[in-house]
Structure formats: C-alpha cells, structure tokens
N, C-alpha and C. Protein backbone atom coordinates (compact mmCIF):
# COMPACT_ATOMS: atom_id res chain seq x y z
N MET A 1 20.47 32.75 -3.12
CA MET A 1 19.04 32.79 -3.33
C MET A 1 18.64 31.68 -4.31
N VAL A 2 17.52 31.05 -4.03
CA VAL A 2 17.05 29.93 -4.84
C VAL A 2 16.19 30.45 -5.99
N ASP A 3 16.51 30.00 -7.19
CA ASP A 3 15.71 30.33 -8.36
C ASP A 3 14.49 29.40 -8.36
N LYS A 4 13.31 29.96 -8.10
CA LYS A 4 12.10 29.15 -7.93
C LYS A 4 11.72 28.39 -9.20
N GLU A 5 11.96 28.99 -10.33
CA GLU A 5 11.61 28.34 -11.59
C GLU A 5 12.48 27.10 -11.83
N ILE A 6 13.77 27.23 -11.59
CA ILE A 6 14.69 26.09 -11.76
C ILE A 6 14.41 25.04 -10.69
N TRP A 7 14.09 25.50 -9.47
CA TRP A 7 13.77 24.55 -8.38
C TRP A 7 12.53 23.72 -8.75
N ALA A 8 11.50 24.38 -9.32
CA ALA A 8 10.28 23.68 -9.72
C ALA A 8 10.58 22.65 -10.81
N GLU A 9 11.45 23.03 -11.74
CA GLU A 9 11.85 22.10 -12.81
C GLU A 9 12.60 20.90 -12.24
N ALA A 10 13.50 21.17 -11.30
CA ALA A 10 14.27 20.09 -10.65
C ALA A 10 13.33 19.16 -9.89
N LEU A 11 12.35 19.72 -9.21
CA LEU A 11 11.39 18.91 -8.46
C LEU A 11 10.57 18.04 -9.40
N ASN A 12 10.15 18.59 -10.53
CA ASN A 12 9.39 17.80 -11.51
C ASN A 12 10.22 16.65 -12.06
N LEU A 13 11.50 16.91 -12.34
CA LEU A 13 12.38 15.84 -12.83
C LEU A 13 12.57 14.76 -11.77
N ALA A 14 12.72 15.17 -10.52
CA ALA A 14 12.89 14.20 -9.43
C ALA A 14 11.62 13.37 -9.25
N LYS A 15 10.46 14.01 -9.38
CA LYS A 15 9.18 13.28 -9.27
C LYS A 15 9.05 12.25 -10.40
N ASP A 16 9.52 12.62 -11.59
CA ASP A 16 9.49 11.67 -12.71
C ASP A 16 10.35 10.45 -12.40
N GLN A 17 11.53 10.68 -11.82
CA GLN A 17 12.40 9.56 -11.45
C GLN A 17 11.74 8.70 -10.38
N LEU A 18 11.04 9.34 -9.45
CA LEU A 18 10.32 8.60 -8.40
C LEU A 18 9.22 7.75 -9.01
N ARG A 19 8.48 8.33 -9.95
CA ARG A 19 7.38 7.63 -10.60
C ARG A 19 7.87 6.40 -11.37
N HIS A 20 9.04 6.48 -11.95
CA HIS A 20 9.58 5.37 -12.74
C HIS A 20 10.44 4.43 -11.91
N GLY A 21 10.47 4.64 -10.61
CA GLY A 21 11.15 3.70 -9.72
C GLY A 21 12.66 3.83 -9.68
N LYS A 22 13.22 4.93 -10.18
CA LYS A 22 14.67 5.08 -10.16
C LYS A 22 15.17 5.59 -8.82
N VAL A 23 14.31 6.28 -8.07
CA VAL A 23 14.67 6.75 -6.73
C VAL A 23 13.56 6.39 -5.76
N HIS A 24 13.90 6.35 -4.50
CA HIS A 24 12.92 6.06 -3.45
C HIS A 24 12.41 7.40 -2.90
N PHE A 25 11.22 7.39 -2.33
CA PHE A 25 10.61 8.61 -1.82
C PHE A 25 11.50 9.31 -0.79
N SER A 26 12.19 8.53 0.03
CA SER A 26 13.04 9.12 1.07
C SER A 26 14.23 9.87 0.47
N GLU A 27 14.59 9.59 -0.77
CA GLU A 27 15.72 10.25 -1.43
C GLU A 27 15.29 11.43 -2.29
N LEU A 28 14.00 11.75 -2.29
CA LEU A 28 13.46 12.77 -3.19
C LEU A 28 14.12 14.13 -2.98
N GLU A 29 14.29 14.56 -1.74
CA GLU A 29 14.87 15.87 -1.46
C GLU A 29 16.32 15.96 -1.94
N GLY A 30 17.11 14.93 -1.64
CA GLY A 30 18.51 14.92 -2.07
C GLY A 30 18.65 14.92 -3.57
N VAL A 31 17.82 14.13 -4.24
CA VAL A 31 17.86 14.08 -5.70
C VAL A 31 17.45 15.42 -6.29
N THR A 32 16.44 16.06 -5.69
CA THR A 32 15.98 17.37 -6.17
C THR A 32 17.11 18.40 -6.06
N LYS A 33 17.81 18.41 -4.93
CA LYS A 33 18.93 19.35 -4.74
C LYS A 33 20.02 19.10 -5.78
N SER A 34 20.33 17.82 -6.01
CA SER A 34 21.37 17.46 -6.98
C SER A 34 20.99 17.94 -8.38
N ILE A 35 19.74 17.71 -8.76
CA ILE A 35 19.28 18.15 -10.09
C ILE A 35 19.30 19.67 -10.18
N TYR A 36 18.88 20.34 -9.09
CA TYR A 36 18.86 21.81 -9.06
C TYR A 36 20.27 22.36 -9.29
N GLU A 37 21.26 21.79 -8.58
CA GLU A 37 22.64 22.26 -8.71
C GLU A 37 23.15 22.06 -10.14
N LYS A 38 22.80 20.95 -10.75
CA LYS A 38 23.25 20.69 -12.13
C LYS A 38 22.57 21.64 -13.10
N LEU A 39 21.29 21.93 -12.88
CA LEU A 39 20.58 22.87 -13.75
C LEU A 39 21.18 24.28 -13.63
N ILE A 40 21.53 24.68 -12.41
CA ILE A 40 22.15 25.99 -12.20
C ILE A 40 23.50 26.06 -12.92
N SER A 41 24.29 24.99 -12.77
CA SER A 41 25.61 24.99 -13.43
C SER A 41 25.46 24.99 -14.95
N LEU A 42 24.44 24.33 -15.47
CA LEU A 42 24.21 24.32 -16.92
C LEU A 42 23.73 25.68 -17.42
N SER A 43 22.98 26.39 -16.59
CA SER A 43 22.46 27.69 -17.02
C SER A 43 23.58 28.73 -17.11
N CYS A 44 24.71 28.48 -16.44
CA CYS A 44 25.86 29.40 -16.50
C CYS A 44 26.64 29.24 -17.80
N GLY A 45 26.38 28.23 -18.55
CA GLY A 45 27.08 28.02 -19.80
C GLY A 45 27.99 26.81 -19.73
N PRO A 46 28.61 26.45 -20.86
CA PRO A 46 29.46 25.26 -20.88
C PRO A 46 30.75 25.46 -20.08
N VAL A 47 31.16 24.41 -19.43
CA VAL A 47 32.40 24.42 -18.67
C VAL A 47 33.40 23.54 -19.41
N ILE A 48 34.61 24.05 -19.56
CA ILE A 48 35.63 23.34 -20.33
C ILE A 48 36.54 22.56 -19.39
N ASP A 49 37.03 21.41 -19.87
CA ASP A 49 37.98 20.55 -19.15
C ASP A 49 37.40 19.94 -17.86
N ILE A 50 36.18 19.55 -17.89
CA ILE A 50 35.61 18.85 -16.73
C ILE A 50 35.32 17.42 -17.15
N GLU A 51 35.79 16.50 -16.33
CA GLU A 51 35.54 15.09 -16.62
C GLU A 51 34.09 14.77 -16.25
N PRO A 52 33.42 14.06 -17.12
CA PRO A 52 32.03 13.72 -16.80
C PRO A 52 31.96 12.75 -15.62
N GLU A 53 30.99 12.99 -14.76
CA GLU A 53 30.77 12.10 -13.62
C GLU A 53 30.15 10.81 -14.11
N PRO A 54 30.57 9.70 -13.54
CA PRO A 54 29.89 8.46 -13.91
C PRO A 54 28.44 8.51 -13.41
N ILE A 55 27.55 8.06 -14.25
CA ILE A 55 26.13 8.10 -13.90
C ILE A 55 25.86 7.04 -12.84
N LYS A 56 25.29 7.50 -11.76
CA LYS A 56 24.99 6.61 -10.64
C LYS A 56 23.57 6.10 -10.79
N GLN A 57 23.43 4.81 -10.90
CA GLN A 57 22.11 4.20 -10.95
C GLN A 57 21.63 3.98 -9.53
N ILE A 58 20.62 4.67 -9.15
CA ILE A 58 20.05 4.47 -7.81
C ILE A 58 18.90 3.49 -7.97
N GLU A 59 19.14 2.28 -7.54
CA GLU A 59 18.09 1.27 -7.64
C GLU A 59 17.35 1.19 -6.33
N ALA A 60 16.13 1.63 -6.36
CA ALA A 60 15.31 1.58 -5.15
C ALA A 60 14.69 0.20 -5.03
N SER A 61 14.65 -0.28 -3.83
CA SER A 61 13.99 -1.56 -3.59
C SER A 61 12.51 -1.37 -3.82
N GLN A 62 11.93 -2.28 -4.55
CA GLN A 62 10.50 -2.18 -4.82
C GLN A 62 9.82 -3.51 -4.61
N HIS A 63 8.66 -3.45 -4.00
CA HIS A 63 7.82 -4.62 -3.84
C HIS A 63 6.98 -4.73 -5.11
N VAL A 64 7.10 -5.84 -5.82
CA VAL A 64 6.38 -6.00 -7.08
C VAL A 64 5.56 -7.28 -7.02
N LYS A 65 4.30 -7.17 -7.45
CA LYS A 65 3.42 -8.34 -7.52
C LYS A 65 3.21 -8.66 -8.99
N THR A 66 3.61 -9.88 -9.40
CA THR A 66 3.46 -10.31 -10.79
C THR A 66 2.48 -11.48 -10.84
N LYS A 67 2.24 -12.01 -12.03
CA LYS A 67 1.35 -13.17 -12.14
C LYS A 67 1.96 -14.40 -11.51
N LYS A 68 3.29 -14.52 -11.60
CA LYS A 68 3.96 -15.70 -11.07
C LYS A 68 4.25 -15.63 -9.59
N GLY A 69 4.42 -14.43 -9.05
CA GLY A 69 4.77 -14.33 -7.64
C GLY A 69 4.89 -12.91 -7.14
N VAL A 70 5.42 -12.81 -5.92
CA VAL A 70 5.61 -11.53 -5.26
C VAL A 70 7.11 -11.35 -5.05
N LYS A 71 7.65 -10.22 -5.49
CA LYS A 71 9.09 -9.96 -5.37
C LYS A 71 9.37 -9.25 -4.06
N CYS A 72 10.33 -9.78 -3.31
CA CYS A 72 10.75 -9.18 -2.04
C CYS A 72 11.46 -7.86 -2.35
N ALA A 73 11.06 -6.79 -1.67
CA ALA A 73 11.66 -5.48 -1.90
C ALA A 73 13.08 -5.39 -1.35
N VAL A 74 13.43 -6.26 -0.42
CA VAL A 74 14.75 -6.20 0.19
C VAL A 74 15.79 -6.90 -0.68
N CYS A 75 15.52 -8.16 -1.07
CA CYS A 75 16.54 -8.92 -1.80
C CYS A 75 16.18 -9.21 -3.26
N GLY A 76 14.92 -9.04 -3.63
CA GLY A 76 14.51 -9.26 -5.01
C GLY A 76 14.10 -10.68 -5.34
N GLU A 77 14.10 -11.60 -4.36
CA GLU A 77 13.66 -12.97 -4.61
C GLU A 77 12.15 -12.98 -4.84
N GLU A 78 11.69 -13.98 -5.59
CA GLU A 78 10.27 -14.08 -5.92
C GLU A 78 9.63 -15.27 -5.22
N PHE A 79 8.46 -15.05 -4.62
CA PHE A 79 7.74 -16.08 -3.88
C PHE A 79 6.27 -16.04 -4.24
N LYS A 80 5.58 -17.16 -4.01
CA LYS A 80 4.12 -17.16 -4.16
C LYS A 80 3.49 -16.45 -2.98
N VAL A 81 4.08 -16.66 -1.80
CA VAL A 81 3.64 -15.97 -0.59
C VAL A 81 4.89 -15.43 0.10
N LEU A 82 4.91 -14.13 0.33
CA LEU A 82 6.04 -13.52 1.02
C LEU A 82 5.75 -13.62 2.51
N GLY A 83 6.28 -14.67 3.12
CA GLY A 83 5.93 -15.00 4.49
C GLY A 83 6.95 -14.56 5.52
N SER A 84 6.58 -14.80 6.77
CA SER A 84 7.42 -14.39 7.89
C SER A 84 8.73 -15.17 7.92
N LYS A 85 8.73 -16.40 7.39
CA LYS A 85 9.96 -17.20 7.38
C LYS A 85 11.04 -16.50 6.55
N HIS A 86 10.69 -16.04 5.35
CA HIS A 86 11.67 -15.34 4.52
C HIS A 86 12.02 -13.98 5.12
N LEU A 87 11.01 -13.26 5.58
CA LEU A 87 11.25 -11.92 6.10
C LEU A 87 12.12 -11.93 7.35
N SER A 88 12.10 -13.05 8.08
CA SER A 88 12.95 -13.14 9.27
C SER A 88 14.43 -13.12 8.88
N SER A 89 14.75 -13.54 7.65
CA SER A 89 16.15 -13.48 7.20
C SER A 89 16.60 -12.03 7.01
N HIS A 90 15.65 -11.11 6.91
CA HIS A 90 15.95 -9.68 6.81
C HIS A 90 15.68 -8.98 8.14
N ASP A 91 15.43 -9.75 9.19
CA ASP A 91 15.10 -9.21 10.52
C ASP A 91 13.87 -8.31 10.47
N LEU A 92 12.85 -8.75 9.72
CA LEU A 92 11.59 -8.02 9.62
C LEU A 92 10.42 -8.95 9.90
N THR A 93 9.35 -8.38 10.44
CA THR A 93 8.09 -9.13 10.54
C THR A 93 7.24 -8.71 9.35
N ARG A 94 6.15 -9.43 9.12
CA ARG A 94 5.26 -9.07 8.00
C ARG A 94 4.73 -7.64 8.17
N GLU A 95 4.35 -7.32 9.41
CA GLU A 95 3.78 -5.99 9.67
C GLU A 95 4.82 -4.89 9.41
N GLU A 96 6.07 -5.11 9.88
CA GLU A 96 7.13 -4.12 9.67
C GLU A 96 7.40 -3.95 8.17
N TYR A 97 7.44 -5.06 7.44
CA TYR A 97 7.70 -5.02 6.00
C TYR A 97 6.59 -4.24 5.29
N MET A 98 5.33 -4.56 5.64
CA MET A 98 4.20 -3.89 4.99
C MET A 98 4.24 -2.39 5.27
N LYS A 99 4.59 -2.02 6.50
CA LYS A 99 4.64 -0.61 6.86
C LYS A 99 5.81 0.09 6.16
N LYS A 100 6.99 -0.56 6.15
CA LYS A 100 8.19 0.04 5.57
C LYS A 100 8.05 0.29 4.07
N PHE A 101 7.46 -0.66 3.35
CA PHE A 101 7.36 -0.54 1.90
C PHE A 101 5.96 -0.15 1.42
N GLY A 102 5.05 0.13 2.35
CA GLY A 102 3.71 0.57 1.98
C GLY A 102 2.93 -0.48 1.21
N VAL A 103 2.99 -1.72 1.68
CA VAL A 103 2.35 -2.84 0.99
C VAL A 103 1.10 -3.26 1.75
N ALA A 104 0.02 -3.51 1.04
CA ALA A 104 -1.21 -4.01 1.65
C ALA A 104 -1.09 -5.52 1.86
N LYS A 105 -1.88 -6.04 2.79
CA LYS A 105 -1.83 -7.47 3.11
C LYS A 105 -2.14 -8.33 1.88
N LYS A 106 -3.08 -7.87 1.05
CA LYS A 106 -3.46 -8.63 -0.14
C LYS A 106 -2.33 -8.72 -1.17
N ASP A 107 -1.36 -7.79 -1.09
CA ASP A 107 -0.25 -7.79 -2.04
C ASP A 107 0.94 -8.61 -1.55
N MET A 108 0.79 -9.30 -0.42
CA MET A 108 1.88 -10.12 0.12
C MET A 108 1.87 -11.53 -0.49
N SER A 109 0.83 -11.85 -1.29
CA SER A 109 0.76 -13.17 -1.91
C SER A 109 -0.03 -13.06 -3.21
N ILE A 110 0.09 -14.12 -4.02
CA ILE A 110 -0.69 -14.17 -5.25
C ILE A 110 -1.78 -15.22 -5.06
N LYS A 111 -2.77 -15.17 -5.91
CA LYS A 111 -3.82 -16.19 -5.86
C LYS A 111 -3.25 -17.48 -6.41
N ILE A 112 -3.38 -18.53 -5.63
CA ILE A 112 -2.87 -19.83 -6.04
C ILE A 112 -4.04 -20.65 -6.55
N ALA A 113 -3.94 -21.11 -7.79
CA ALA A 113 -5.01 -21.91 -8.39
C ALA A 113 -5.02 -23.29 -7.76
N ARG A 114 -6.16 -23.67 -7.25
CA ARG A 114 -6.30 -25.00 -6.66
C ARG A 114 -7.03 -25.89 -7.64
N LYS A 115 -6.48 -27.07 -7.84
CA LYS A 115 -7.12 -28.01 -8.76
C LYS A 115 -8.11 -28.84 -7.97
N THR A 116 -9.35 -28.83 -8.42
CA THR A 116 -10.36 -29.66 -7.78
C THR A 116 -10.79 -30.73 -8.76
N LEU A 117 -11.12 -31.87 -8.20
CA LEU A 117 -11.56 -32.97 -9.04
C LEU A 117 -13.04 -32.80 -9.33
N THR A 118 -13.38 -32.80 -10.60
CA THR A 118 -14.77 -32.63 -10.99
C THR A 118 -15.18 -33.77 -11.91
N GLY A 119 -16.47 -33.94 -12.01
CA GLY A 119 -16.99 -34.95 -12.91
C GLY A 119 -16.53 -36.34 -12.56
N GLU A 120 -16.11 -37.08 -13.57
CA GLU A 120 -15.71 -38.48 -13.36
C GLU A 120 -14.40 -38.62 -12.61
N ASP A 121 -13.66 -37.55 -12.41
CA ASP A 121 -12.41 -37.62 -11.66
C ASP A 121 -12.64 -37.56 -10.15
N ASN A 122 -13.82 -37.12 -9.74
CA ASN A 122 -14.13 -37.00 -8.32
C ASN A 122 -14.51 -38.37 -7.75
N PRO A 123 -13.80 -38.86 -6.72
CA PRO A 123 -14.08 -40.18 -6.16
C PRO A 123 -15.52 -40.35 -5.66
N LEU A 124 -16.09 -39.30 -5.09
CA LEU A 124 -17.48 -39.40 -4.61
C LEU A 124 -18.45 -39.56 -5.77
N LYS A 125 -18.19 -38.84 -6.85
CA LYS A 125 -19.03 -38.95 -8.04
C LYS A 125 -18.90 -40.35 -8.64
N GLN A 126 -17.68 -40.91 -8.63
CA GLN A 126 -17.46 -42.26 -9.14
C GLN A 126 -18.25 -43.27 -8.32
N MET A 127 -18.20 -43.13 -7.00
CA MET A 127 -18.94 -44.06 -6.13
C MET A 127 -20.44 -43.96 -6.41
N GLN A 128 -20.93 -42.73 -6.57
CA GLN A 128 -22.36 -42.52 -6.84
C GLN A 128 -22.76 -43.18 -8.16
N MET A 129 -21.92 -43.06 -9.17
CA MET A 129 -22.22 -43.66 -10.48
C MET A 129 -22.26 -45.18 -10.38
N ILE A 130 -21.32 -45.76 -9.63
CA ILE A 130 -21.28 -47.22 -9.45
C ILE A 130 -22.51 -47.69 -8.69
N MET A 131 -22.88 -46.96 -7.63
CA MET A 131 -24.06 -47.32 -6.83
C MET A 131 -25.32 -47.31 -7.69
N LYS A 132 -25.45 -46.27 -8.51
CA LYS A 132 -26.64 -46.13 -9.34
C LYS A 132 -26.68 -47.19 -10.44
N GLU A 133 -25.56 -47.42 -11.11
CA GLU A 133 -25.51 -48.35 -12.24
C GLU A 133 -25.68 -49.81 -11.82
N PHE A 134 -25.03 -50.20 -10.72
CA PHE A 134 -25.04 -51.60 -10.32
C PHE A 134 -26.00 -51.88 -9.15
N GLY A 135 -26.69 -50.85 -8.67
CA GLY A 135 -27.69 -51.03 -7.62
C GLY A 135 -27.12 -51.55 -6.30
N ILE A 136 -25.99 -51.01 -5.90
CA ILE A 136 -25.39 -51.45 -4.63
C ILE A 136 -25.32 -50.28 -3.66
N LYS A 137 -25.14 -50.61 -2.37
CA LYS A 137 -25.08 -49.58 -1.34
C LYS A 137 -23.68 -48.98 -1.28
N ARG A 138 -23.62 -47.79 -0.69
CA ARG A 138 -22.35 -47.07 -0.61
C ARG A 138 -21.26 -47.89 0.10
N GLY A 139 -21.60 -48.54 1.18
CA GLY A 139 -20.63 -49.33 1.93
C GLY A 139 -20.12 -50.54 1.17
N ASP A 140 -20.84 -50.95 0.12
CA ASP A 140 -20.45 -52.14 -0.65
C ASP A 140 -19.64 -51.79 -1.91
N VAL A 141 -19.51 -50.52 -2.22
CA VAL A 141 -18.83 -50.10 -3.46
C VAL A 141 -17.37 -50.54 -3.46
N THR A 142 -16.66 -50.31 -2.36
CA THR A 142 -15.24 -50.66 -2.30
C THR A 142 -15.05 -52.16 -2.50
N GLN A 143 -15.89 -52.97 -1.84
CA GLN A 143 -15.78 -54.42 -1.99
C GLN A 143 -16.11 -54.84 -3.42
N PHE A 144 -17.10 -54.18 -4.03
CA PHE A 144 -17.47 -54.46 -5.41
C PHE A 144 -16.28 -54.20 -6.35
N VAL A 145 -15.58 -53.09 -6.11
CA VAL A 145 -14.41 -52.75 -6.92
C VAL A 145 -13.31 -53.80 -6.73
N LEU A 146 -13.10 -54.22 -5.48
CA LEU A 146 -12.10 -55.25 -5.18
C LEU A 146 -12.46 -56.58 -5.85
N ASP A 147 -13.75 -56.94 -5.80
CA ASP A 147 -14.22 -58.19 -6.40
C ASP A 147 -14.03 -58.21 -7.92
N ASN A 148 -14.00 -57.03 -8.52
CA ASN A 148 -13.82 -56.95 -9.96
C ASN A 148 -12.36 -56.84 -10.37
N GLY A 149 -11.44 -57.08 -9.43
CA GLY A 149 -10.03 -57.18 -9.78
C GLY A 149 -9.21 -55.91 -9.67
N PHE A 150 -9.72 -54.90 -9.00
CA PHE A 150 -8.97 -53.66 -8.83
C PHE A 150 -8.55 -53.52 -7.36
N ASP A 151 -7.41 -52.86 -7.13
CA ASP A 151 -6.90 -52.70 -5.77
C ASP A 151 -7.75 -51.73 -4.94
N ASN A 152 -8.21 -50.66 -5.57
CA ASN A 152 -9.04 -49.65 -4.90
C ASN A 152 -9.66 -48.75 -5.97
N MET A 153 -10.35 -47.71 -5.53
CA MET A 153 -11.01 -46.79 -6.46
C MET A 153 -9.99 -46.07 -7.35
N LYS A 154 -8.85 -45.75 -6.76
CA LYS A 154 -7.82 -45.03 -7.54
C LYS A 154 -7.29 -45.89 -8.68
N SER A 155 -7.05 -47.17 -8.40
CA SER A 155 -6.53 -48.04 -9.46
C SER A 155 -7.58 -48.25 -10.54
N LEU A 156 -8.86 -48.29 -10.15
CA LEU A 156 -9.95 -48.39 -11.12
C LEU A 156 -9.94 -47.17 -12.04
N ALA A 157 -9.85 -45.98 -11.44
CA ALA A 157 -9.85 -44.74 -12.22
C ALA A 157 -8.61 -44.66 -13.11
N ALA A 158 -7.46 -45.08 -12.58
CA ALA A 158 -6.22 -45.03 -13.37
C ALA A 158 -6.29 -45.97 -14.56
N THR A 159 -6.83 -47.18 -14.35
CA THR A 159 -6.95 -48.15 -15.43
C THR A 159 -7.92 -47.65 -16.49
N ALA A 160 -9.03 -47.04 -16.04
CA ALA A 160 -10.02 -46.50 -16.99
C ALA A 160 -9.40 -45.39 -17.84
N LYS A 161 -8.62 -44.53 -17.21
CA LYS A 161 -7.96 -43.45 -17.97
C LYS A 161 -6.95 -44.01 -18.95
N GLU A 162 -6.22 -45.02 -18.50
CA GLU A 162 -5.20 -45.65 -19.34
C GLU A 162 -5.83 -46.26 -20.59
N LYS A 163 -7.00 -46.89 -20.42
CA LYS A 163 -7.68 -47.53 -21.55
C LYS A 163 -8.61 -46.56 -22.29
N ASN A 164 -8.66 -45.32 -21.78
CA ASN A 164 -9.46 -44.27 -22.39
C ASN A 164 -10.96 -44.61 -22.45
N VAL A 165 -11.45 -45.18 -21.35
CA VAL A 165 -12.88 -45.47 -21.22
C VAL A 165 -13.34 -44.96 -19.85
N GLY A 166 -14.64 -44.90 -19.67
CA GLY A 166 -15.18 -44.50 -18.38
C GLY A 166 -15.10 -45.65 -17.39
N ILE A 167 -15.21 -45.33 -16.09
CA ILE A 167 -15.10 -46.39 -15.07
C ILE A 167 -16.26 -47.36 -15.17
N LEU A 168 -17.45 -46.87 -15.54
CA LEU A 168 -18.61 -47.76 -15.64
C LEU A 168 -18.44 -48.76 -16.79
N GLU A 169 -17.95 -48.27 -17.93
CA GLU A 169 -17.72 -49.17 -19.07
C GLU A 169 -16.68 -50.22 -18.72
N LEU A 170 -15.64 -49.81 -18.00
CA LEU A 170 -14.59 -50.74 -17.60
C LEU A 170 -15.14 -51.80 -16.65
N LEU A 171 -15.93 -51.36 -15.66
CA LEU A 171 -16.51 -52.32 -14.71
C LEU A 171 -17.48 -53.27 -15.40
N LYS A 172 -18.28 -52.74 -16.35
CA LYS A 172 -19.21 -53.60 -17.08
C LYS A 172 -18.46 -54.65 -17.89
N ALA A 173 -17.37 -54.23 -18.55
CA ALA A 173 -16.58 -55.16 -19.35
C ALA A 173 -15.96 -56.24 -18.47
N VAL A 174 -15.44 -55.86 -17.31
CA VAL A 174 -14.84 -56.83 -16.38
C VAL A 174 -15.92 -57.75 -15.84
N ASP A 175 -17.09 -57.17 -15.50
CA ASP A 175 -18.21 -57.94 -14.95
C ASP A 175 -18.70 -58.97 -15.97
N GLU A 176 -18.83 -58.55 -17.25
CA GLU A 176 -19.27 -59.46 -18.31
C GLU A 176 -18.23 -60.56 -18.55
N ALA A 177 -16.95 -60.20 -18.50
CA ALA A 177 -15.89 -61.19 -18.71
C ALA A 177 -15.90 -62.23 -17.60
N GLN A 178 -16.17 -61.79 -16.36
CA GLN A 178 -16.21 -62.74 -15.24
C GLN A 178 -17.44 -63.64 -15.34
N GLU A 179 -18.57 -63.08 -15.79
CA GLU A 179 -19.78 -63.89 -15.95
C GLU A 179 -19.58 -64.93 -17.06
N ALA A 180 -18.90 -64.54 -18.12
CA ALA A 180 -18.65 -65.46 -19.23
C ALA A 180 -17.77 -66.62 -18.79
N LYS A 181 -16.84 -66.37 -17.89
CA LYS A 181 -15.96 -67.43 -17.39
C LYS A 181 -16.64 -68.24 -16.31
N GLY A 182 -17.72 -67.69 -15.75
CA GLY A 182 -18.41 -68.39 -14.67
C GLY A 182 -17.79 -68.14 -13.31
N ASN A 183 -16.98 -67.13 -13.19
CA ASN A 183 -16.33 -66.80 -11.92
C ASN A 183 -17.23 -65.99 -11.00
N LYS A 184 -18.30 -65.45 -11.52
CA LYS A 184 -19.19 -64.60 -10.74
C LYS A 184 -20.16 -65.45 -9.96
N LYS A 185 -20.45 -65.07 -8.71
CA LYS A 185 -21.37 -65.83 -7.86
C LYS A 185 -22.80 -65.63 -8.27
C-alpha cells in the first residue's frame, strides 16, 4: 500500500528537481518513485553496513537563450541562430527540435545588432553635404572628389577620419591648396 503523505512529499521533491533543471519532465515519474522508496526506507530507521550509493547527476538537456546566443539542447553548443544546418547534425529539423524541447520560434535566435551608418559616416549624407556646400549636382560629386585627389568617397572619408576633421573641411583645405598653386581650372 502506498503512503499518500510520503508519496506527496516525494512528488514535491521531484517537482523541485524538475524546476531547477536537474531532471527532465519525462523522467518525473521514475524520479518520484525513487525518492518515495528512499523516504520509505529512511522512515524505517537507520540501516547499518550499507555502502552509500554514488550520487547520480541527471543532466537534462536544456534549450537556453542567453544574451550572447542560443544553446543547443542536444549538444550544448552556442549559436546566434540555431539553424537547420546545425540541427541536421542531430538528425532533427527546426520544427522537430522546437516540438521536442518545447521551444518557440522566437527563442531559436537572438537579436543581432546591426550597425547602420548615420550622420557623417553615411555616404549619401556625405554626398548631400558636398552638393550643398560646393553647389554641384549629384552626378558630379564623384568626379569632384576624384579631382580633389581622392580615389573615391571611401578614401575621402577615411582620410578625414585619420586627420580628425570633417569631409567638408578636408575638401575645402584641398580646394584652397589647389587654388593657391594655380592647379584649379
């Protein structure tokens, strides 16, 4: 006959282990029975000359989403996106993995920060500033940059950053230097 009070205590202990990730839900019944049997044996009093059993760590596979990545529940590797390419190494599809481990689609990847060029780093903004400052058309900006001794817009921006000045100041300085030498048409 099952002692309901001890069984309830065993179930609560097993649920605690489940909550802390020490056991998987599918192992809950077996763990509960094991705890129940140990509680029954303990309630009978101390037993002499019994070797202690080695404690078995049951590590349940867990899908974990962190700030840096998503941990695969099967092998424990960490990825930014847990994709079908990796899951195929475990003979799983994304759908099978999500169903097996109870994972939502949004938890299969982390948000990846995308760097966008803003302000003076944006090439379109740079072209607009040159057009406005020097009164030239958009189609003539590239040629204007080439005429001032730069290979392209990127080299202009890189040189400006290197000298710690804005692109307009750099172009004005180059333009004035060329006028002083008489090289300008």
